[in-house]
């Protein structure tokens, strides 16, 4: 029995680990990498059709996003997850396929003109539809034998609706071992869902470390912070714009806004309208409003027992179509706009920023981590001028942040989660390069057990606990691989790195162009014809 670390090794996204035991091969998560790539990940060492099962901790794309790719290339076995994870995967994987299909359409128009090879997306909608048929629902706290000698148990991790850690109990050749995969561990005292439940004991633990070097504020007052922002903004006659992730964060905001309205905490405009402008967020909100009470915390269940929907509030308006989205900014009435994406890099939020950033009476509220270099990061860090849709915009709106909104556990919460597991050895993943190493050291100092941060391609024997194989560590940017005990490998040339970065910037611009095109669906024929001519002129200039 052995475990091979593949994705989210010294990186935050792209979770993927291979477990081999009893003649079976099992993947724990298979996610997409999102954001900057630090190290080149090893490929899954077996063909998709040779994988016997996938166990999915939760629906976020950095954990689930490449499963349909495996299905498209021959995977045809069960996917074990909670019911809520299956429900959220339904909308999130379909959305991912839609984005890839749109990118392929855009790239292939250029390829056809230039004679280049056609671009093939990772997967398309039909692959997602096949994937969804493979899900097997699992309940929390129930042991399920998936193969002879291998059983699994899901425990609530408090990170997202249906999120879980997964315990594997393995008996092979007279040896018995248990290994616990943390998935993403949630923050405490978040609305709607439960706090992370006590995890079971295990011989080995694989733990995430997203916030392994940071602490959240103690007892953050989300409602108090948000109501104060709304009050002062509405007194100025302005609009509150909130970039928010469509699944999870948007629903938490609706919960807080319902409390604010119920308690009358905003005096200047008690009946303020709330717009949710994201088709994915609307679908997710419908799931959160359906029969999912078993995943809710006691406060949310008490509301449901009283006939109160925890995320339903007066004057809420959902926008699906592009025309509905555009109409939000046609009047200047004070309002709340919740829209994706959470870091302002794509989606409808960029249009709302264009219409409101220059207005000093308005406020943009950040409710989650803003990665450096993203538009959200620039605004969060005090940018005075930005460019949106080739238009220079002076930032005059108030920029505010609500503290403690992360859905990830902080350093002390991670330690508290790990302590009752009593593992003999811990593997740290799903964290920034330096954080994984630092948190492994913290675990050794605080809990007295062996801990390390494996790189992609490291293989461990679960009987002996020893590393039995390593792949070369290949940095995408200049790094020193001292943590693995190996010599550092030469980084790619700075010129090559910059060229890749610039090309990725161009690809991102293409994504944005497709989103702008979709946003203009339903516009006047004259405007659309002029837009098409401008795009074609630009393509003719660079199609060489």
Protein backbone atom coordinates (compact mmCIF):
# COMPACT_ATOMS: atom_id res chain seq x y z
CA UNK A 1 0.00 0.00 0.00
CA UNK A 2 1.39 3.37 -1.04
CA UNK A 3 0.42 6.99 -1.66
CA UNK A 4 1.68 9.24 -4.47
CA UNK A 5 1.41 13.02 -4.19
CA UNK A 6 0.57 14.66 -7.51
CA UNK A 7 -1.25 18.00 -7.22
CA UNK A 8 -1.38 20.82 -4.64
CA UNK A 9 2.16 19.89 -3.59
CA UNK A 10 3.82 23.12 -2.40
CA UNK A 11 0.95 24.87 -4.21
CA UNK A 12 -2.55 25.94 -3.21
CA UNK A 13 -4.65 24.44 -6.01
CA UNK A 14 -4.93 21.36 -8.20
CA UNK A 15 -5.46 18.81 -5.43
CA UNK A 16 -4.79 15.24 -6.56
CA UNK A 17 -3.37 12.22 -4.70
CA UNK A 18 -3.13 8.57 -5.78
CA UNK A 19 -3.68 5.78 -3.24
CA UNK A 20 -2.74 2.21 -4.24
CA UNK A 21 -3.72 -0.77 -2.10
CA UNK A 22 -5.32 -4.22 -2.42
CA UNK A 23 -4.64 -4.16 -6.14
CA UNK A 24 -6.74 -1.01 -6.58
CA UNK A 25 -5.89 2.54 -7.64
CA UNK A 26 -7.91 5.35 -6.08
CA UNK A 27 -7.67 9.10 -6.68
CA UNK A 28 -8.48 11.49 -3.88
CA UNK A 29 -9.65 14.63 -5.69
CA UNK A 30 -8.59 15.62 -9.20
CA UNK A 31 -8.64 19.40 -9.41
CA UNK A 32 -7.60 22.13 -11.78
CA UNK A 33 -4.67 24.38 -11.06
CA UNK A 34 -5.81 27.98 -10.70
CA UNK A 35 -3.56 31.00 -10.56
CA UNK A 36 0.23 31.02 -10.73
CA UNK A 37 1.94 27.66 -11.27
CA UNK A 38 5.02 27.22 -9.06
CA UNK A 39 6.18 23.67 -9.82
CA UNK A 40 5.50 21.36 -12.72
CA UNK A 41 3.22 18.59 -11.47
CA UNK A 42 3.81 14.95 -12.36
CA UNK A 43 1.20 13.32 -14.53
CA UNK A 44 -1.05 10.69 -12.99
CA UNK A 45 1.14 7.58 -13.42
CA UNK A 46 -1.69 5.34 -14.66
CA UNK A 47 -4.13 5.67 -17.53
CA UNK A 48 -7.65 6.94 -16.70
CA UNK A 49 -9.21 3.55 -17.49
CA UNK A 50 -6.86 1.93 -14.94
CA UNK A 51 -8.16 4.04 -12.05
CA UNK A 52 -10.66 2.08 -9.97
CA UNK A 53 -12.38 4.91 -8.03
CA UNK A 54 -12.31 8.62 -7.24
CA UNK A 55 -13.13 9.99 -3.79
CA UNK A 56 -14.04 13.69 -3.88
CA UNK A 57 -13.73 15.86 -0.77
CA UNK A 58 -15.83 18.76 -2.09
CA UNK A 59 -17.07 20.49 -5.23
CA UNK A 60 -14.63 23.39 -5.64
CA UNK A 61 -12.99 23.30 -9.07
CA UNK A 62 -9.46 23.11 -7.65
CA UNK A 63 -10.52 19.72 -6.24
CA UNK A 64 -13.02 18.46 -8.82
CA UNK A 65 -12.28 20.31 -12.06
CA UNK A 66 -10.30 17.67 -13.97
CA UNK A 67 -12.53 14.68 -13.24
CA UNK A 68 -14.48 15.12 -16.51
CA UNK A 69 -11.14 15.19 -18.33
CA UNK A 70 -10.43 11.71 -16.98
CA UNK A 71 -13.91 10.60 -18.03
CA UNK A 72 -13.34 11.99 -21.52
CA UNK A 73 -10.19 9.84 -21.73
CA UNK A 74 -11.54 6.54 -20.47
CA UNK A 75 -12.31 6.73 -16.75
CA UNK A 76 -15.47 4.69 -16.10
CA UNK A 77 -15.68 3.87 -12.39
CA UNK A 78 -17.48 5.23 -9.29
CA UNK A 79 -17.02 8.74 -7.85
CA UNK A 80 -17.70 8.77 -4.11
CA UNK A 81 -18.87 12.05 -2.56
CA UNK A 82 -21.62 13.50 -0.40
CA UNK A 83 -25.00 14.32 -1.92
CA UNK A 84 -24.41 18.06 -1.56
CA UNK A 85 -21.05 17.74 -3.29
CA UNK A 86 -22.73 15.97 -6.18
CA UNK A 87 -25.39 18.70 -6.39
CA UNK A 88 -22.83 21.52 -6.42
CA UNK A 89 -20.55 19.62 -8.82
CA UNK A 90 -23.49 19.47 -11.22
CA UNK A 91 -23.52 23.25 -11.65
CA UNK A 92 -19.81 23.95 -11.19
CA UNK A 93 -18.54 21.35 -13.65
CA UNK A 94 -21.14 22.39 -16.22
CA UNK A 95 -20.01 25.99 -15.82
CA UNK A 96 -16.37 24.88 -16.25
CA UNK A 97 -17.25 23.02 -19.44
CA UNK A 98 -19.09 26.07 -20.78
CA UNK A 99 -16.03 28.25 -20.21
CA UNK A 100 -13.78 25.76 -22.00
CA UNK A 101 -16.17 25.41 -24.92
CA UNK A 102 -16.25 29.20 -25.30
CA UNK A 103 -12.44 29.34 -25.22
CA UNK A 104 -12.20 26.59 -27.83
CA UNK A 105 -14.64 28.39 -30.11
CA UNK A 106 -12.59 31.59 -29.87
CA UNK A 107 -9.24 29.87 -30.42
CA UNK A 108 -10.47 27.76 -33.31
CA UNK A 109 -11.77 30.74 -35.26
CA UNK A 110 -8.19 32.00 -35.35
CA UNK A 111 -6.76 28.53 -35.99
CA UNK A 112 -9.04 28.04 -38.99
CA UNK A 113 -7.82 31.26 -40.60
CA UNK A 114 -4.15 30.54 -39.91
CA UNK A 115 -4.22 26.83 -40.73
CA UNK A 116 -3.09 25.92 -37.22
CA UNK A 117 -4.13 22.73 -35.46
CA UNK A 118 -7.57 23.00 -33.80
CA UNK A 119 -7.66 23.64 -30.05
CA UNK A 120 -9.32 20.85 -28.07
CA UNK A 121 -10.81 21.77 -24.68
CA UNK A 122 -10.08 19.61 -21.65
CA UNK A 123 -13.70 18.49 -21.77
CA UNK A 124 -17.14 19.54 -22.91
CA UNK A 125 -20.65 19.40 -21.50
CA UNK A 126 -21.34 15.83 -22.61
CA UNK A 127 -18.29 14.70 -20.60
CA UNK A 128 -19.72 16.41 -17.52
CA UNK A 129 -23.08 14.75 -18.06
CA UNK A 130 -21.38 11.34 -18.15
CA UNK A 131 -19.32 12.25 -15.07
CA UNK A 132 -22.41 13.14 -13.04
CA UNK A 133 -23.88 9.69 -13.68
CA UNK A 134 -20.90 8.10 -11.89
CA UNK A 135 -21.47 9.81 -8.54
CA UNK A 136 -22.28 7.60 -5.56
CA UNK A 137 -23.76 9.52 -2.61
CA UNK A 138 -22.14 8.95 0.79
CA UNK A 139 -23.44 10.06 4.17
CA UNK A 140 -21.34 11.53 6.95
CA UNK A 141 -20.07 9.09 9.58
CA UNK A 142 -20.90 5.90 7.66
CA UNK A 143 -18.21 3.35 6.79
CA UNK A 144 -18.50 2.23 3.16
CA UNK A 145 -16.50 -0.72 1.82
CA UNK A 146 -15.62 0.28 -1.72
CA UNK A 147 -13.35 -2.71 -2.38
CA UNK A 148 -12.39 -5.80 -0.44
CA UNK A 149 -9.96 -4.57 2.20
CA UNK A 150 -10.68 -0.84 1.62
CA UNK A 151 -13.38 1.22 3.35
CA UNK A 152 -13.97 4.96 3.47
CA UNK A 153 -15.72 7.33 5.88
CA UNK A 154 -16.74 10.95 5.20
CA UNK A 155 -16.75 13.54 8.03
CA UNK A 156 -18.04 17.13 7.76
CA UNK A 157 -15.17 19.58 7.23
CA UNK A 158 -17.19 22.79 7.51
CA UNK A 159 -15.63 24.38 4.41
CA UNK A 160 -18.49 24.24 1.90
CA UNK A 161 -21.89 22.62 1.71
CA UNK A 162 -21.11 18.88 1.67
CA UNK A 163 -17.36 19.26 2.15
CA UNK A 164 -15.58 16.37 3.87
CA UNK A 165 -12.43 14.81 5.07
CA UNK A 166 -12.13 11.15 4.06
CA UNK A 167 -10.71 8.34 6.20
CA UNK A 168 -9.38 5.25 4.42
CA UNK A 169 -9.06 2.00 6.35
CA UNK A 170 -6.90 -0.50 4.48
CA UNK A 171 -6.18 -4.16 5.26
CA UNK A 172 -3.70 -5.89 2.99
CA UNK A 173 -1.34 -8.86 3.44
CA UNK A 174 -1.91 -8.95 7.18
CA UNK A 175 -1.22 -5.22 7.62
CA UNK A 176 -3.82 -2.61 8.59
CA UNK A 177 -3.32 1.13 8.11
CA UNK A 178 -5.53 4.20 8.20
CA UNK A 179 -4.92 7.42 6.28
CA UNK A 180 -6.99 10.59 6.56
CA UNK A 181 -7.27 13.16 3.77
CA UNK A 182 -8.35 16.53 5.16
CA UNK A 183 -9.71 18.14 2.00
CA UNK A 184 -10.17 21.83 2.82
CA UNK A 185 -10.88 22.51 6.50
CA UNK A 186 -13.39 25.24 7.22
CA UNK A 187 -13.27 28.37 9.35
CA UNK A 188 -15.23 28.38 12.61
CA UNK A 189 -18.55 30.15 13.21
CA UNK A 190 -19.48 30.58 9.57
CA UNK A 191 -23.19 30.88 8.77
CA UNK A 192 -25.36 28.08 7.39
CA UNK A 193 -22.96 25.15 7.60
CA UNK A 194 -21.53 23.43 10.66
CA UNK A 195 -18.08 24.02 12.09
CA UNK A 196 -15.59 21.28 11.18
CA UNK A 197 -16.51 18.13 13.06
CA UNK A 198 -13.96 16.14 15.05
CA UNK A 199 -11.94 14.05 12.67
CA UNK A 200 -11.29 10.33 13.34
CA UNK A 201 -7.94 8.95 14.48
CA UNK A 202 -5.55 7.78 11.78
CA UNK A 203 -2.04 6.44 11.30
CA UNK A 204 -1.35 9.04 8.59
CA UNK A 205 -2.91 12.42 7.88
CA UNK A 206 -2.72 14.54 4.74
CA UNK A 207 -3.61 18.10 5.74
CA UNK A 208 -4.12 21.32 3.82
CA UNK A 209 -2.20 24.45 4.84
CA UNK A 210 -3.80 27.36 2.97
CA UNK A 211 -3.68 29.54 6.10
CA UNK A 212 -1.01 27.51 7.86
CA UNK A 213 0.99 30.62 8.78
CA UNK A 214 -1.85 33.05 9.61
CA UNK A 215 -4.54 33.68 12.20
CA UNK A 216 -8.04 35.01 11.62
CA UNK A 217 -9.50 37.76 13.84
CA UNK A 218 -11.19 36.39 16.95
CA UNK A 219 -15.01 36.46 16.90
CA UNK A 220 -15.40 38.65 13.80
CA UNK A 221 -18.68 40.58 13.68
CA UNK A 222 -19.68 40.08 10.06
CA UNK A 223 -23.14 41.58 10.47
CA UNK A 224 -21.83 44.59 12.36
CA UNK A 225 -19.09 45.31 9.83
CA UNK A 226 -21.42 44.93 6.85
CA UNK A 227 -24.30 46.97 8.30
CA UNK A 228 -21.92 49.86 9.12
CA UNK A 229 -20.67 49.88 5.51
CA UNK A 230 -24.24 49.82 4.15
CA UNK A 231 -25.35 52.63 6.47
CA UNK A 232 -22.63 55.10 5.56
CA UNK A 233 -22.84 54.26 1.83
CA UNK A 234 -26.61 54.67 1.62
CA UNK A 235 -26.37 57.96 3.53
CA UNK A 236 -24.15 59.17 0.70
CA UNK A 237 -26.71 57.93 -1.84
CA UNK A 238 -24.34 55.29 -3.15
CA UNK A 239 -24.34 51.63 -4.19
CA UNK A 240 -22.47 48.82 -2.43
CA UNK A 241 -20.71 46.48 -4.87
CA UNK A 242 -19.50 43.13 -3.47
CA UNK A 243 -17.29 40.84 -5.58
CA UNK A 244 -18.01 37.34 -4.25
CA UNK A 245 -17.43 33.74 -5.20
CA UNK A 246 -20.66 32.35 -6.62
CA UNK A 247 -20.77 29.19 -4.50
CA UNK A 248 -20.52 29.51 -0.74
CA UNK A 249 -19.57 33.15 -0.21
CA UNK A 250 -22.62 34.59 -1.98
CA UNK A 251 -24.96 32.46 0.14
CA UNK A 252 -23.18 33.53 3.35
CA UNK A 253 -23.67 37.16 2.36
CA UNK A 254 -27.38 36.59 1.79
CA UNK A 255 -27.61 35.09 5.28
CA UNK A 256 -25.98 38.20 6.81
CA UNK A 257 -28.12 40.57 4.74
CA UNK A 258 -31.27 38.78 5.89
CA UNK A 259 -30.20 39.34 9.52
CA UNK A 260 -29.47 43.00 8.82
CA UNK A 261 -32.89 43.55 7.28
CA UNK A 262 -34.68 41.53 9.97
CA UNK A 263 -33.07 43.53 12.78
CA UNK A 264 -33.41 46.87 11.01
CA UNK A 265 -29.71 47.65 11.34
CA UNK A 266 -29.63 50.00 8.34
CA UNK A 267 -31.69 53.06 9.23
CA UNK A 268 -31.03 55.26 6.20
CA UNK A 269 -32.55 52.73 3.75
CA UNK A 270 -34.12 49.76 5.58
CA UNK A 271 -35.70 48.32 2.41
CA UNK A 272 -32.53 48.42 0.28
CA UNK A 273 -32.66 46.16 -2.80
CA UNK A 274 -30.15 43.32 -3.20
CA UNK A 275 -29.13 42.11 -6.66
CA UNK A 276 -27.43 38.74 -7.16
CA UNK A 277 -25.90 39.00 -10.61
CA UNK A 278 -24.32 35.67 -11.52
CA UNK A 279 -26.12 32.74 -13.15
CA UNK A 280 -23.88 30.29 -11.28
CA UNK A 281 -24.57 32.04 -7.96
CA UNK A 282 -28.31 31.89 -8.64
CA UNK A 283 -28.13 28.14 -9.30
CA UNK A 284 -26.05 27.61 -6.17
CA UNK A 285 -28.49 29.65 -4.10
CA UNK A 286 -31.31 27.42 -5.33
CA UNK A 287 -29.36 24.38 -4.11
CA UNK A 288 -28.72 25.98 -0.72
CA UNK A 289 -32.47 26.67 -0.52
CA UNK A 290 -33.46 23.07 -1.33
CA UNK A 291 -33.65 19.98 0.88
CA UNK A 292 -30.15 20.14 2.34
CA UNK A 293 -30.99 20.65 6.02
CA UNK A 294 -28.72 17.80 7.15
CA UNK A 295 -25.72 19.91 6.16
CA UNK A 296 -26.89 23.03 8.02
CA UNK A 297 -25.81 24.13 11.49
CA UNK A 298 -28.27 24.35 14.38
CA UNK A 299 -29.03 28.05 13.87
CA UNK A 300 -29.98 27.51 10.24
CA UNK A 301 -32.07 24.44 11.12
CA UNK A 302 -33.93 26.42 13.79
CA UNK A 303 -34.85 29.03 11.18
CA UNK A 304 -36.09 26.35 8.80
CA UNK A 305 -38.22 24.82 11.57
CA UNK A 306 -39.86 28.23 11.95
CA UNK A 307 -40.58 28.34 8.23
CA UNK A 308 -37.80 30.84 7.52
CA UNK A 309 -35.45 30.37 4.58
CA UNK A 310 -32.02 31.40 5.97
CA UNK A 311 -30.91 33.04 2.73
CA UNK A 312 -34.19 34.51 1.52
CA UNK A 313 -34.73 38.22 2.16
CA UNK A 314 -37.11 40.96 1.05
CA UNK A 315 -36.22 42.93 -2.07
CA UNK A 316 -33.82 40.33 -3.46
CA UNK A 317 -33.54 40.25 -7.23
CA UNK A 318 -31.74 37.59 -9.26
CA UNK A 319 -30.20 38.41 -12.65
CA UNK A 320 -29.75 35.67 -15.21
CA UNK A 321 -29.64 37.25 -18.66
CA UNK A 322 -27.23 39.87 -19.95
CA UNK A 323 -30.08 42.36 -20.31
CA UNK A 324 -31.06 41.86 -16.67
CA UNK A 325 -27.47 42.43 -15.67
CA UNK A 326 -27.19 45.63 -17.69
CA UNK A 327 -30.43 46.98 -16.25
CA UNK A 328 -28.96 46.98 -12.74
CA UNK A 329 -26.83 50.01 -13.57
CA UNK A 330 -29.40 51.93 -15.61
CA UNK A 331 -30.63 53.68 -12.46
CA UNK A 332 -28.56 55.18 -9.68
CA UNK A 333 -30.75 54.12 -6.77
CA UNK A 334 -28.76 52.91 -3.74
CA UNK A 335 -28.53 49.13 -3.76
CA UNK A 336 -26.36 46.12 -3.01
CA UNK A 337 -24.85 44.26 -5.97
CA UNK A 338 -23.29 40.82 -5.38
CA UNK A 339 -21.51 39.49 -8.45
CA UNK A 340 -18.73 37.14 -9.52
CA UNK A 341 -15.83 36.71 -9.84
CA UNK A 342 -14.53 37.11 -6.33
CA UNK A 343 -11.18 38.58 -7.41
CA UNK A 344 -12.68 40.75 -10.19
CA UNK A 345 -10.67 39.03 -12.91
CA UNK A 346 -13.65 38.06 -15.07
CA UNK A 347 -17.41 38.00 -15.22
CA UNK A 348 -20.11 40.56 -14.66
CA UNK A 349 -18.47 42.15 -11.62
CA UNK A 350 -16.17 44.08 -13.95
CA UNK A 351 -19.13 45.88 -15.51
CA UNK A 352 -20.45 46.87 -12.10
CA UNK A 353 -17.03 48.20 -11.14
CA UNK A 354 -16.90 50.20 -14.35
CA UNK A 355 -20.20 51.87 -13.49
CA UNK A 356 -19.49 52.50 -9.80
CA UNK A 357 -15.77 52.80 -9.06
CA UNK A 358 -15.61 56.41 -10.18
CA UNK A 359 -18.54 57.42 -7.96
CA UNK A 360 -17.32 58.72 -4.54
CA UNK A 361 -20.66 57.92 -2.93
CA UNK A 362 -20.27 54.18 -3.67
CA UNK A 363 -18.37 51.41 -1.85
CA UNK A 364 -16.66 48.24 -3.08
CA UNK A 365 -16.52 45.59 -0.34
CA UNK A 366 -14.07 42.70 -0.40
CA UNK A 367 -15.13 39.59 1.49
CA UNK A 368 -12.32 37.22 0.62
CA UNK A 369 -8.65 36.91 -0.20
CA UNK A 370 -7.48 39.03 -3.15
CA UNK A 371 -4.48 37.58 -4.93
CA UNK A 372 -1.69 40.09 -5.69
CA UNK A 373 -1.78 41.24 -9.29
CA UNK A 374 -5.49 40.62 -9.81
CA UNK A 375 -7.82 43.56 -10.27
CA UNK A 376 -9.27 42.83 -6.84
CA UNK A 377 -5.77 42.78 -5.38
CA UNK A 378 -4.92 46.13 -6.95
CA UNK A 379 -8.09 47.76 -5.64
CA UNK A 380 -7.61 46.19 -2.21
CA UNK A 381 -4.05 47.54 -2.09
CA UNK A 382 -5.13 51.11 -2.89
CA UNK A 383 -4.88 51.55 -6.66
CA UNK A 384 -5.98 55.06 -7.60
CA UNK A 385 -6.51 54.36 -11.30
CA UNK A 386 -7.42 51.18 -13.15
CA UNK A 387 -8.36 50.24 -16.70
CA UNK A 388 -11.57 48.39 -17.52
CA UNK A 389 -12.69 47.59 -21.06
CA UNK A 390 -9.88 49.84 -22.40
CA UNK A 391 -11.24 52.75 -20.40
CA UNK A 392 -9.22 54.53 -17.72
CA UNK A 393 -11.18 54.84 -14.48
CA UNK A 394 -10.24 56.92 -11.45
CA UNK A 395 -11.03 55.06 -8.24
CA UNK A 396 -13.12 57.39 -6.10
CA UNK A 397 -15.39 54.84 -4.42
CA UNK A 398 -14.65 53.72 -0.88
CA UNK A 399 -12.76 50.41 -0.75
CA UNK A 400 -13.70 48.35 2.31
CA UNK A 401 -12.86 44.87 3.61
CA UNK A 402 -14.81 42.63 5.98
CA UNK A 403 -12.33 40.79 8.17
CA UNK A 404 -12.35 37.05 8.87
CA UNK A 405 -14.51 35.94 5.93
CA UNK A 406 -12.19 33.17 4.72
CA UNK A 407 -13.71 29.71 4.37
CA UNK A 408 -10.38 28.12 5.34
CA UNK A 409 -9.22 27.31 8.86
CA UNK A 410 -6.29 29.33 10.18
CA UNK A 411 -3.08 27.98 11.72
CA UNK A 412 -4.50 27.28 15.18
CA UNK A 413 -7.73 25.81 13.81
CA UNK A 414 -5.72 23.43 11.64
CA UNK A 415 -3.72 22.31 14.66
CA UNK A 416 -6.91 21.86 16.71
CA UNK A 417 -8.39 19.76 13.91
CA UNK A 418 -5.27 17.60 13.65
CA UNK A 419 -4.63 17.07 17.38
CA UNK A 420 -7.34 14.39 18.04
CA UNK A 421 -6.33 12.51 14.88
CA UNK A 422 -3.11 11.47 16.70
CA UNK A 423 -1.26 10.60 13.50
CA UNK A 424 2.17 9.03 13.53
CA UNK A 425 3.09 10.95 10.38
CA UNK A 426 1.60 14.01 8.67
CA UNK A 427 1.90 15.12 5.06
CA UNK A 428 1.28 18.83 4.44
CA UNK A 429 -0.09 20.00 1.09
CA UNK A 430 -2.45 22.60 -0.45
CA UNK A 431 -0.47 25.63 0.68
CA UNK A 432 2.00 28.13 -0.69
CA UNK A 433 5.53 26.80 -1.12
CA UNK A 434 7.06 28.28 2.02
CA UNK A 435 3.88 27.83 4.07
CA UNK A 436 3.78 24.06 3.60
CA UNK A 437 7.33 23.75 4.94
CA UNK A 438 6.72 26.15 7.84
CA UNK A 439 3.48 24.45 8.84
CA UNK A 440 5.11 21.00 8.76
CA UNK A 441 7.69 22.34 11.20
CA UNK A 442 4.92 23.82 13.36
CA UNK A 443 3.18 20.43 13.51
CA UNK A 444 6.36 18.73 14.65
CA UNK A 445 6.95 21.37 17.33
CA UNK A 446 3.35 21.60 18.55
CA UNK A 447 2.15 18.00 18.21
CA UNK A 448 5.35 16.01 18.38
CA UNK A 449 4.76 13.87 15.30
CA UNK A 450 6.77 13.53 12.10
CA UNK A 451 5.63 15.95 9.39
CA UNK A 452 6.83 16.83 5.91
CA UNK A 453 5.67 18.66 2.80
CA UNK A 454 5.98 16.29 -0.19
CA UNK A 455 6.69 17.56 -3.68
CA UNK A 456 4.78 16.30 -6.69
CA UNK A 457 5.95 12.79 -7.55
CA UNK A 458 6.95 11.71 -4.06
CA UNK A 459 5.74 8.20 -3.17
CA UNK A 460 5.40 6.83 0.37
CA UNK A 461 5.03 3.24 1.58
CA UNK A 462 2.17 3.21 4.09
CA UNK A 463 3.46 0.12 5.89
CA UNK A 464 6.90 1.55 6.69
CA UNK A 465 6.10 5.26 6.35
CA UNK A 466 9.22 5.74 4.22
CA UNK A 467 9.58 7.65 0.97
CA UNK A 468 10.25 5.06 -1.74
CA UNK A 469 10.42 7.25 -4.85
CA UNK A 470 10.88 10.87 -5.89
CA UNK A 471 10.48 12.70 -9.16
CA UNK A 472 12.70 15.65 -10.10
CA UNK A 473 11.46 18.96 -8.69
CA UNK A 474 11.06 21.29 -11.67
CA UNK A 475 10.26 24.90 -10.76
CA UNK A 476 8.21 26.98 -13.14
CA UNK A 477 9.78 30.04 -11.52
CA UNK A 478 13.08 30.24 -9.65
CA UNK A 479 12.79 28.35 -6.35
CA UNK A 480 15.15 26.37 -4.11
CA UNK A 481 13.94 22.88 -3.29
CA UNK A 482 15.75 22.66 0.04
CA UNK A 483 12.69 21.34 1.84
CA UNK A 484 12.86 18.02 0.02
CA UNK A 485 16.50 17.38 0.87
CA UNK A 486 17.41 17.54 -2.84
CA UNK A 487 19.65 19.87 -4.76
CA UNK A 488 17.80 22.74 -6.33
CA UNK A 489 17.03 22.38 -10.01
CA UNK A 490 17.76 25.18 -12.46
CA UNK A 491 14.78 27.38 -13.15
CA UNK A 492 13.56 28.17 -16.60
CA UNK A 493 15.16 31.24 -18.18
CA UNK A 494 13.73 34.56 -17.14
CA UNK A 495 13.01 35.34 -20.78
CA UNK A 496 11.06 32.10 -21.15
CA UNK A 497 9.14 32.78 -17.95
CA UNK A 498 8.22 36.27 -19.12
CA UNK A 499 7.16 34.98 -22.55
CA UNK A 500 4.88 32.40 -20.93
CA UNK A 501 3.46 35.04 -18.60
CA UNK A 502 2.72 37.44 -21.47
CA UNK A 503 1.11 34.67 -23.52
CA UNK A 504 -1.06 33.71 -20.52
CA UNK A 505 -2.05 37.37 -20.28
CA UNK A 506 -3.12 37.23 -23.93
CA UNK A 507 -5.17 34.07 -23.31
CA UNK A 508 -6.84 35.77 -20.33
CA UNK A 509 -7.68 38.72 -22.59
CA UNK A 510 -9.33 36.25 -24.97
CA UNK A 511 -11.43 34.85 -22.14
CA UNK A 512 -12.49 38.36 -21.27
CA UNK A 513 -13.39 39.15 -24.88
CA UNK A 514 -15.73 36.14 -25.02
CA UNK A 515 -17.38 37.28 -21.79
CA UNK A 516 -17.86 40.79 -23.21
CA UNK A 517 -19.38 39.30 -26.36
CA UNK A 518 -21.82 37.22 -24.29
CA UNK A 519 -22.64 40.24 -22.15
CA UNK A 520 -23.67 42.16 -25.31
CA UNK A 521 -26.15 39.52 -26.44
CA UNK A 522 -29.42 41.27 -27.19
CA UNK A 523 -27.79 44.60 -28.05
CA UNK A 524 -28.77 46.66 -31.06
CA UNK A 525 -27.79 45.29 -34.46
CA UNK A 526 -25.89 48.48 -35.27
CA UNK A 527 -23.76 48.28 -32.14
CA UNK A 528 -23.10 44.56 -32.56
CA UNK A 529 -22.08 45.01 -36.20
CA UNK A 530 -19.63 47.77 -35.25
CA UNK A 531 -18.25 45.61 -32.42
CA UNK A 532 -17.77 42.65 -34.80
CA UNK A 533 -15.98 44.86 -37.35
CA UNK A 534 -13.59 46.17 -34.68
CA UNK A 535 -12.77 42.64 -33.53
CA UNK A 536 -12.17 41.46 -37.09
CA UNK A 537 -9.90 44.45 -37.81
CA UNK A 538 -7.85 43.60 -34.72
CA UNK A 539 -7.65 39.94 -35.74
CA UNK A 540 -6.53 40.90 -39.27
CA UNK A 541 -3.73 43.02 -37.77
CA UNK A 542 -2.27 40.17 -35.70
CA UNK A 543 -3.24 37.15 -37.83
CA UNK A 544 0.17 36.58 -39.29
